[in-house]
């Protein structure tokens, strides 16, 4: 679960490149995400299902945007809620034991 949350933080930060990609902070954000990707541990040679946390980070970012927007927050909240739901469902359905079994048989 800890790696899933770490991937979530990476997804949240990576989504900031949507807003800051063409500013001086953009390359720094991309570098931080790349370094995190390279240095987060793998379990049995696989990053899944924990890597689904990046989608949770994406969803959390858009839920954050929905709380700060002055107009209609519904589209942002919908995107965020769907991304979080899909991420959590994917993580639960693709559980660690199942992934390890897939790797050992494949």
N, C-alpha and C. Protein backbone atom coordinates (compact mmCIF):
# COMPACT_ATOMS: atom_id res chain seq x y z
N UNK A 1 0.83 -1.20 0.00
CA UNK A 1 0.00 0.00 0.00
C UNK A 1 0.87 1.26 0.00
N UNK A 2 2.02 1.17 0.66
CA UNK A 2 2.90 2.33 0.72
C UNK A 2 3.42 2.73 -0.65
N UNK A 3 3.77 1.73 -1.47
CA UNK A 3 4.23 2.04 -2.83
C UNK A 3 3.11 2.61 -3.68
N UNK A 4 1.89 2.12 -3.46
CA UNK A 4 0.73 2.65 -4.19
C UNK A 4 0.58 4.14 -3.88
N UNK A 5 0.71 4.50 -2.61
CA UNK A 5 0.61 5.92 -2.23
C UNK A 5 1.77 6.74 -2.78
N UNK A 6 2.97 6.14 -2.80
CA UNK A 6 4.12 6.84 -3.38
C UNK A 6 3.90 7.11 -4.86
N UNK A 7 3.36 6.11 -5.57
CA UNK A 7 3.03 6.32 -6.97
C UNK A 7 1.94 7.37 -7.12
N UNK A 8 1.02 7.43 -6.16
CA UNK A 8 -0.02 8.46 -6.18
C UNK A 8 0.57 9.86 -6.09
N UNK A 9 1.56 10.02 -5.23
CA UNK A 9 2.23 11.32 -5.12
C UNK A 9 2.92 11.66 -6.44
N UNK A 10 3.55 10.67 -7.05
CA UNK A 10 4.20 10.89 -8.34
C UNK A 10 3.16 11.31 -9.39
N UNK A 11 2.02 10.64 -9.41
CA UNK A 11 0.97 11.00 -10.36
C UNK A 11 0.44 12.41 -10.13
N UNK A 12 0.29 12.79 -8.86
CA UNK A 12 -0.17 14.14 -8.53
C UNK A 12 0.82 15.18 -9.03
N UNK A 13 2.09 14.95 -8.74
CA UNK A 13 3.13 15.90 -9.17
C UNK A 13 3.24 15.92 -10.69
N UNK A 14 3.18 14.76 -11.33
CA UNK A 14 3.30 14.71 -12.78
C UNK A 14 2.16 15.46 -13.46
N UNK A 15 1.00 15.46 -12.85
CA UNK A 15 -0.14 16.15 -13.45
C UNK A 15 0.05 17.66 -13.42
N UNK A 16 0.90 18.16 -12.53
CA UNK A 16 1.20 19.58 -12.53
C UNK A 16 1.85 20.03 -13.83
N UNK A 17 2.44 19.10 -14.58
CA UNK A 17 3.04 19.49 -15.85
C UNK A 17 1.97 19.95 -16.84
N UNK A 18 0.72 19.59 -16.59
CA UNK A 18 -0.38 20.11 -17.42
C UNK A 18 -0.42 21.63 -17.30
N UNK A 19 -0.17 22.13 -16.10
CA UNK A 19 -0.23 23.58 -15.87
C UNK A 19 1.12 24.26 -16.04
N UNK A 20 2.18 23.58 -15.64
CA UNK A 20 3.49 24.22 -15.59
C UNK A 20 4.49 23.65 -16.59
N UNK A 21 4.04 22.85 -17.53
CA UNK A 21 4.95 22.19 -18.46
C UNK A 21 5.83 23.12 -19.28
N UNK A 22 5.33 24.30 -19.60
CA UNK A 22 6.09 25.22 -20.45
C UNK A 22 6.64 26.41 -19.68
N UNK A 23 6.79 26.23 -18.37
CA UNK A 23 7.41 27.24 -17.53
C UNK A 23 8.77 26.71 -17.09
N UNK A 24 9.57 27.53 -16.43
CA UNK A 24 10.86 27.02 -15.94
C UNK A 24 10.71 25.86 -14.96
N UNK A 25 9.56 25.74 -14.28
CA UNK A 25 9.34 24.64 -13.34
C UNK A 25 9.04 23.33 -14.06
N UNK A 26 8.60 23.38 -15.30
CA UNK A 26 8.22 22.17 -16.03
C UNK A 26 9.31 21.13 -16.12
N UNK A 27 10.50 21.49 -16.61
CA UNK A 27 11.57 20.49 -16.69
C UNK A 27 11.97 19.94 -15.33
N UNK A 28 11.89 20.76 -14.30
CA UNK A 28 12.22 20.28 -12.95
C UNK A 28 11.20 19.23 -12.51
N UNK A 29 9.93 19.48 -12.78
CA UNK A 29 8.89 18.52 -12.42
C UNK A 29 9.10 17.21 -13.17
N UNK A 30 9.37 17.30 -14.46
CA UNK A 30 9.62 16.10 -15.26
C UNK A 30 10.83 15.33 -14.72
N UNK A 31 11.88 16.03 -14.36
CA UNK A 31 13.07 15.39 -13.80
C UNK A 31 12.75 14.70 -12.48
N UNK A 32 11.98 15.34 -11.61
CA UNK A 32 11.62 14.73 -10.33
C UNK A 32 10.79 13.46 -10.53
N UNK A 33 9.85 13.52 -11.45
CA UNK A 33 9.02 12.34 -11.72
C UNK A 33 9.88 11.21 -12.29
N UNK A 34 10.78 11.53 -13.20
CA UNK A 34 11.65 10.51 -13.77
C UNK A 34 12.56 9.89 -12.71
N UNK A 35 13.12 10.72 -11.83
CA UNK A 35 13.98 10.21 -10.76
C UNK A 35 13.19 9.31 -9.81
N UNK A 36 11.98 9.71 -9.49
CA UNK A 36 11.15 8.88 -8.61
C UNK A 36 10.84 7.56 -9.29
N UNK A 37 10.51 7.60 -10.56
CA UNK A 37 10.23 6.37 -11.31
C UNK A 37 11.43 5.43 -11.28
N UNK A 38 12.61 5.98 -11.50
CA UNK A 38 13.82 5.16 -11.56
C UNK A 38 14.19 4.59 -10.20
N UNK A 39 13.84 5.29 -9.11
CA UNK A 39 14.32 4.89 -7.79
C UNK A 39 13.29 4.18 -6.92
N UNK A 40 12.02 4.19 -7.31
CA UNK A 40 11.05 3.44 -6.52
C UNK A 40 11.30 1.95 -6.72
N UNK A 41 11.24 1.19 -5.65
CA UNK A 41 11.55 -0.24 -5.78
C UNK A 41 10.48 -1.00 -6.54
N UNK A 42 10.90 -2.12 -7.10
CA UNK A 42 9.97 -3.04 -7.73
C UNK A 42 9.85 -4.26 -6.83
N UNK A 43 8.75 -4.95 -6.95
CA UNK A 43 8.54 -6.18 -6.19
C UNK A 43 8.47 -7.30 -7.21
N UNK A 44 9.34 -8.26 -7.08
CA UNK A 44 9.42 -9.38 -8.02
C UNK A 44 9.60 -8.91 -9.45
N UNK A 45 10.34 -7.82 -9.62
CA UNK A 45 10.62 -7.31 -10.95
C UNK A 45 9.47 -6.59 -11.62
N UNK A 46 8.43 -6.27 -10.87
CA UNK A 46 7.25 -5.64 -11.46
C UNK A 46 6.88 -4.38 -10.70
N UNK A 47 6.38 -3.38 -11.42
CA UNK A 47 5.89 -2.16 -10.79
C UNK A 47 4.38 -2.19 -10.60
N UNK A 48 3.72 -3.19 -11.16
CA UNK A 48 2.28 -3.24 -11.00
C UNK A 48 1.94 -4.11 -9.82
N UNK A 49 0.85 -3.97 -9.17
CA UNK A 49 -0.23 -3.02 -9.39
C UNK A 49 -0.02 -1.68 -8.71
N UNK A 50 1.09 -1.51 -7.99
CA UNK A 50 1.32 -0.26 -7.27
C UNK A 50 1.36 0.94 -8.19
N UNK A 51 1.83 0.75 -9.43
CA UNK A 51 1.94 1.86 -10.38
C UNK A 51 0.58 2.43 -10.76
N UNK A 52 -0.50 1.70 -10.49
CA UNK A 52 -1.83 2.27 -10.71
C UNK A 52 -2.06 3.48 -9.82
N UNK A 53 -1.22 3.65 -8.81
CA UNK A 53 -1.31 4.83 -7.96
C UNK A 53 -1.11 6.13 -8.71
N UNK A 54 -0.39 6.09 -9.85
CA UNK A 54 -0.23 7.32 -10.63
C UNK A 54 -1.57 7.83 -11.12
N UNK A 55 -2.46 6.92 -11.45
CA UNK A 55 -3.80 7.32 -11.87
C UNK A 55 -4.57 7.92 -10.69
N UNK A 56 -4.34 7.40 -9.49
CA UNK A 56 -4.96 7.97 -8.29
C UNK A 56 -4.44 9.39 -8.05
N UNK A 57 -3.15 9.60 -8.29
CA UNK A 57 -2.59 10.94 -8.15
C UNK A 57 -3.19 11.91 -9.16
N UNK A 58 -3.39 11.42 -10.38
CA UNK A 58 -4.04 12.22 -11.42
C UNK A 58 -5.44 12.60 -10.96
N UNK A 59 -6.19 11.64 -10.43
CA UNK A 59 -7.55 11.91 -9.95
C UNK A 59 -7.56 12.86 -8.78
N UNK A 60 -6.62 12.69 -7.86
CA UNK A 60 -6.54 13.58 -6.70
C UNK A 60 -6.24 15.01 -7.14
N UNK A 61 -5.40 15.16 -8.16
CA UNK A 61 -5.10 16.49 -8.67
C UNK A 61 -6.36 17.17 -9.19
N UNK A 62 -7.16 16.45 -9.98
CA UNK A 62 -8.36 17.07 -10.53
C UNK A 62 -9.43 17.30 -9.48
N UNK A 63 -9.46 16.49 -8.44
CA UNK A 63 -10.36 16.79 -7.31
C UNK A 63 -9.90 18.05 -6.59
N UNK A 64 -8.59 18.22 -6.47
CA UNK A 64 -8.04 19.46 -5.90
C UNK A 64 -8.42 20.66 -6.74
N UNK A 65 -8.31 20.53 -8.05
CA UNK A 65 -8.69 21.62 -8.95
C UNK A 65 -10.18 21.93 -8.79
N UNK A 66 -11.00 20.90 -8.63
CA UNK A 66 -12.45 21.10 -8.47
C UNK A 66 -12.76 21.93 -7.21
N UNK A 67 -11.95 21.79 -6.18
CA UNK A 67 -12.20 22.56 -4.96
C UNK A 67 -11.76 24.01 -5.09
N UNK A 68 -10.90 24.31 -6.05
CA UNK A 68 -10.38 25.67 -6.18
C UNK A 68 -11.02 26.48 -7.29
N UNK A 69 -11.76 25.85 -8.17
CA UNK A 69 -12.34 26.55 -9.32
C UNK A 69 -13.57 27.35 -8.86
N UNK A 70 -13.73 28.52 -9.46
CA UNK A 70 -14.85 29.39 -9.10
C UNK A 70 -16.14 29.00 -9.81
N UNK A 71 -16.04 28.54 -11.01
CA UNK A 71 -17.23 28.21 -11.80
C UNK A 71 -17.80 26.87 -11.41
N UNK A 72 -18.17 26.10 -12.42
CA UNK A 72 -18.77 24.78 -12.22
C UNK A 72 -17.67 23.74 -11.99
N UNK A 73 -17.54 23.21 -10.77
CA UNK A 73 -16.48 22.23 -10.50
C UNK A 73 -16.83 20.81 -10.92
N UNK A 74 -18.06 20.58 -11.38
CA UNK A 74 -18.51 19.22 -11.66
C UNK A 74 -17.64 18.47 -12.67
N UNK A 75 -17.25 19.08 -13.79
CA UNK A 75 -16.42 18.31 -14.75
C UNK A 75 -15.08 17.87 -14.15
N UNK A 76 -14.46 18.76 -13.38
CA UNK A 76 -13.18 18.42 -12.77
C UNK A 76 -13.36 17.33 -11.72
N UNK A 77 -14.42 17.46 -10.92
CA UNK A 77 -14.70 16.46 -9.89
C UNK A 77 -15.02 15.11 -10.50
N UNK A 78 -15.74 15.11 -11.61
CA UNK A 78 -16.09 13.86 -12.28
C UNK A 78 -14.84 13.15 -12.80
N UNK A 79 -13.97 13.90 -13.45
CA UNK A 79 -12.73 13.31 -13.97
C UNK A 79 -11.91 12.75 -12.81
N UNK A 80 -11.79 13.53 -11.74
CA UNK A 80 -11.02 13.09 -10.59
C UNK A 80 -11.60 11.85 -9.93
N UNK A 81 -12.92 11.83 -9.74
CA UNK A 81 -13.57 10.70 -9.09
C UNK A 81 -13.46 9.43 -9.94
N UNK A 82 -13.64 9.56 -11.24
CA UNK A 82 -13.53 8.39 -12.13
C UNK A 82 -12.10 7.86 -12.11
N UNK A 83 -11.12 8.75 -12.19
CA UNK A 83 -9.71 8.31 -12.18
C UNK A 83 -9.37 7.61 -10.87
N UNK A 84 -9.81 8.17 -9.75
CA UNK A 84 -9.55 7.53 -8.46
C UNK A 84 -10.23 6.17 -8.37
N UNK A 85 -11.47 6.10 -8.82
CA UNK A 85 -12.20 4.84 -8.78
C UNK A 85 -11.55 3.76 -9.62
N UNK A 86 -11.18 4.12 -10.84
CA UNK A 86 -10.53 3.15 -11.74
C UNK A 86 -9.19 2.70 -11.15
N UNK A 87 -8.45 3.64 -10.58
CA UNK A 87 -7.16 3.31 -10.00
C UNK A 87 -7.31 2.33 -8.83
N UNK A 88 -8.23 2.64 -7.94
CA UNK A 88 -8.42 1.76 -6.78
C UNK A 88 -8.93 0.39 -7.19
N UNK A 89 -9.84 0.36 -8.13
CA UNK A 89 -10.37 -0.91 -8.61
C UNK A 89 -9.27 -1.73 -9.30
N UNK A 90 -8.47 -1.07 -10.10
CA UNK A 90 -7.37 -1.77 -10.77
C UNK A 90 -6.37 -2.31 -9.76
N UNK A 91 -6.09 -1.53 -8.73
CA UNK A 91 -5.15 -1.98 -7.71
C UNK A 91 -5.70 -3.19 -6.96
N UNK A 92 -6.97 -3.13 -6.61
CA UNK A 92 -7.58 -4.24 -5.88
C UNK A 92 -7.74 -5.48 -6.74
N UNK A 93 -8.13 -5.29 -8.00
CA UNK A 93 -8.33 -6.44 -8.89
C UNK A 93 -7.00 -7.07 -9.31
N UNK A 94 -5.96 -6.28 -9.42
CA UNK A 94 -4.68 -6.79 -9.89
C UNK A 94 -3.73 -7.13 -8.77
N UNK A 95 -4.23 -7.34 -7.56
CA UNK A 95 -3.45 -7.57 -6.35
C UNK A 95 -2.04 -8.11 -6.53
N UNK A 96 -1.21 -7.86 -5.57
CA UNK A 96 0.20 -8.24 -5.62
C UNK A 96 0.36 -9.75 -5.83
N UNK A 97 -0.39 -10.58 -5.12
CA UNK A 97 -0.25 -12.03 -5.29
C UNK A 97 -0.55 -12.45 -6.72
N UNK A 98 -1.56 -11.87 -7.30
CA UNK A 98 -1.94 -12.21 -8.67
C UNK A 98 -0.83 -11.82 -9.65
N UNK A 99 -0.22 -10.65 -9.44
CA UNK A 99 0.86 -10.20 -10.33
C UNK A 99 2.09 -11.08 -10.21
N UNK A 100 2.41 -11.48 -9.00
CA UNK A 100 3.58 -12.35 -8.80
C UNK A 100 3.33 -13.69 -9.49
N UNK A 101 2.11 -14.21 -9.38
CA UNK A 101 1.79 -15.46 -10.06
C UNK A 101 1.87 -15.32 -11.57
N UNK A 102 1.41 -14.17 -12.10
CA UNK A 102 1.50 -13.95 -13.55
C UNK A 102 2.94 -13.94 -14.01
N UNK A 103 3.83 -13.34 -13.24
CA UNK A 103 5.23 -13.27 -13.62
C UNK A 103 5.90 -14.64 -13.55
N UNK A 104 5.53 -15.43 -12.55
CA UNK A 104 6.20 -16.73 -12.40
C UNK A 104 5.74 -17.74 -13.45
N UNK A 105 4.52 -17.56 -13.96
CA UNK A 105 4.03 -18.50 -14.98
C UNK A 105 4.31 -18.02 -16.39
N UNK A 106 4.58 -16.73 -16.54
CA UNK A 106 4.74 -16.17 -17.87
C UNK A 106 6.11 -16.25 -18.35
